[in-house]
Amino acid sequence: MQSELDKIYEEEFEERFKNGIAKALEEGYAIGYKEGYAIGLTEANIRIAKKLKSMGFTIELIAKYTGLSSGEIQAI
């Protein structure tokens, strides 16, 4: 038979475990959101750079407005 003290420790452990998982999920979501946003922004800038390059804009001007490097633009 489980003692009252054992029950309290078990309940405390379960509560801390649940809170730890919730916090880890929240932190993971925040990190994933930031990384996903950065990837999406980069992909959008590459699409814009491709379009500007096909329209004859200079690499320097494309770099200025997209934040991509000259090398990245030349590789497109």
C-alpha atoms as a PDB file:
ATOM      1  CA  MET A   1       0.000   0.000   0.000  1.00  0.00           C
ATOM      2  CA  GLN A   2       1.306   3.388  -1.002  1.00  0.00           C
ATOM      3  CA  SER A   3       2.011   5.817   1.801  1.00  0.00           C
ATOM      4  CA  GLU A   4       0.538   9.306   1.810  1.00  0.00           C
ATOM      5  CA  LEU A   5       4.024  10.792   1.402  1.00  0.00           C
ATOM      6  CA  ASP A   6       4.677   8.589  -1.661  1.00  0.00           C
ATOM      7  CA  LYS A   7       1.420   9.797  -3.197  1.00  0.00           C
ATOM      8  CA  ILE A   8       2.375  13.430  -2.637  1.00  0.00           C
ATOM      9  CA  TYR A   9       5.812  12.887  -4.222  1.00  0.00           C
ATOM     10  CA  GLU A  10       4.240  11.078  -7.171  1.00  0.00           C
ATOM     11  CA  GLU A  11       1.691  13.848  -7.729  1.00  0.00           C
ATOM     12  CA  GLU A  12       4.420  16.495  -7.465  1.00  0.00           C
ATOM     13  CA  PHE A  13       6.585  14.582  -9.947  1.00  0.00           C
ATOM     14  CA  GLU A  14       3.703  14.235 -12.415  1.00  0.00           C
ATOM     15  CA  GLU A  15       2.869  17.936 -12.151  1.00  0.00           C
ATOM     16  CA  ARG A  16       6.484  18.994 -12.712  1.00  0.00           C
ATOM     17  CA  PHE A  17       6.802  16.515 -15.583  1.00  0.00           C
ATOM     18  CA  LYS A  18       3.664  17.892 -17.280  1.00  0.00           C
ATOM     19  CA  ASN A  19       4.846  21.475 -16.797  1.00  0.00           C
ATOM     20  CA  GLY A  20       8.278  20.569 -18.175  1.00  0.00           C
ATOM     21  CA  ILE A  21       6.775  19.018 -21.288  1.00  0.00           C
ATOM     22  CA  ALA A  22       4.471  21.993 -21.818  1.00  0.00           C
ATOM     23  CA  LYS A  23       7.385  24.405 -21.477  1.00  0.00           C
ATOM     24  CA  ALA A  24       9.574  22.362 -23.838  1.00  0.00           C
ATOM     25  CA  LEU A  25       6.797  22.245 -26.433  1.00  0.00           C
ATOM     26  CA  GLU A  26       6.254  25.993 -26.141  1.00  0.00           C
ATOM     27  CA  GLU A  27       9.967  26.704 -26.533  1.00  0.00           C
ATOM     28  CA  GLY A  28      10.222  24.281 -29.449  1.00  0.00           C
ATOM     29  CA  TYR A  29       7.277  25.938 -31.182  1.00  0.00           C
ATOM     30  CA  ALA A  30       8.855  29.369 -30.753  1.00  0.00           C
ATOM     31  CA  ILE A  31      12.181  28.187 -32.166  1.00  0.00           C
ATOM     32  CA  GLY A  32      10.471  26.404 -35.058  1.00  0.00           C
ATOM     33  CA  TYR A  33       8.385  29.462 -35.854  1.00  0.00           C
ATOM     34  CA  LYS A  34      11.464  31.720 -35.964  1.00  0.00           C
ATOM     35  CA  GLU A  35      13.403  29.271 -38.136  1.00  0.00           C
ATOM     36  CA  GLY A  36      10.454  28.724 -40.456  1.00  0.00           C
ATOM     37  CA  TYR A  37       9.924  32.456 -40.797  1.00  0.00           C
ATOM     38  CA  ALA A  38      13.592  32.993 -41.659  1.00  0.00           C
ATOM     39  CA  ILE A  39      13.522  30.209 -44.260  1.00  0.00           C
ATOM     40  CA  GLY A  40      10.332  31.580 -45.802  1.00  0.00           C
ATOM     41  CA  LEU A  41      11.758  35.080 -45.939  1.00  0.00           C
ATOM     42  CA  THR A  42      14.920  33.835 -47.638  1.00  0.00           C
ATOM     43  CA  GLU A  43      12.898  31.867 -50.190  1.00  0.00           C
ATOM     44  CA  ALA A  44      10.778  34.938 -50.918  1.00  0.00           C
ATOM     45  CA  ASN A  45      13.895  37.067 -51.398  1.00  0.00           C
ATOM     46  CA  ILE A  46      15.325  34.472 -53.800  1.00  0.00           C
ATOM     47  CA  ARG A  47      12.107  34.533 -55.871  1.00  0.00           C
ATOM     48  CA  ILE A  48      12.207  38.332 -55.945  1.00  0.00           C
ATOM     49  CA  ALA A  49      15.889  38.289 -56.911  1.00  0.00           C
ATOM     50  CA  LYS A  50      15.191  35.870 -59.772  1.00  0.00           C
ATOM     51  CA  LYS A  51      12.462  38.113 -61.082  1.00  0.00           C
ATOM     52  CA  LEU A  52      14.557  41.288 -60.777  1.00  0.00           C
ATOM     53  CA  LYS A  53      17.535  39.576 -62.407  1.00  0.00           C
ATOM     54  CA  SER A  54      15.391  38.463 -65.336  1.00  0.00           C
ATOM     55  CA  MET A  55      14.235  42.067 -65.692  1.00  0.00           C
ATOM     56  CA  GLY A  56      17.853  43.256 -66.020  1.00  0.00           C
ATOM     57  CA  PHE A  57      18.386  44.847 -62.619  1.00  0.00           C
ATOM     58  CA  THR A  58      22.004  45.023 -61.438  1.00  0.00           C
ATOM     59  CA  ILE A  59      23.292  42.570 -58.882  1.00  0.00           C
ATOM     60  CA  GLU A  60      24.146  45.458 -56.544  1.00  0.00           C
ATOM     61  CA  LEU A  61      20.586  46.789 -56.654  1.00  0.00           C
ATOM     62  CA  ILE A  62      19.086  43.320 -56.167  1.00  0.00           C
ATOM     63  CA  ALA A  63      21.400  42.749 -53.194  1.00  0.00           C
ATOM     64  CA  LYS A  64      20.387  46.077 -51.685  1.00  0.00           C
ATOM     65  CA  TYR A  65      16.669  45.295 -51.766  1.00  0.00           C
ATOM     66  CA  THR A  66      16.700  41.568 -51.001  1.00  0.00           C
ATOM     67  CA  GLY A  67      19.533  41.336 -48.485  1.00  0.00           C
ATOM     68  CA  LEU A  68      21.088  38.508 -50.488  1.00  0.00           C
ATOM     69  CA  SER A  69      24.801  38.531 -51.181  1.00  0.00           C
ATOM     70  CA  SER A  70      26.233  39.137 -54.649  1.00  0.00           C
ATOM     71  CA  GLY A  71      27.370  35.516 -54.733  1.00  0.00           C
ATOM     72  CA  GLU A  72      23.900  34.239 -53.892  1.00  0.00           C
ATOM     73  CA  ILE A  73      22.379  36.380 -56.630  1.00  0.00           C
ATOM     74  CA  GLN A  74      24.952  35.278 -59.195  1.00  0.00           C
ATOM     75  CA  ALA A  75      24.213  31.650 -58.343  1.00  0.00           C
ATOM     76  CA  ILE A  76      20.521  32.106 -59.155  1.00  0.00           C
END
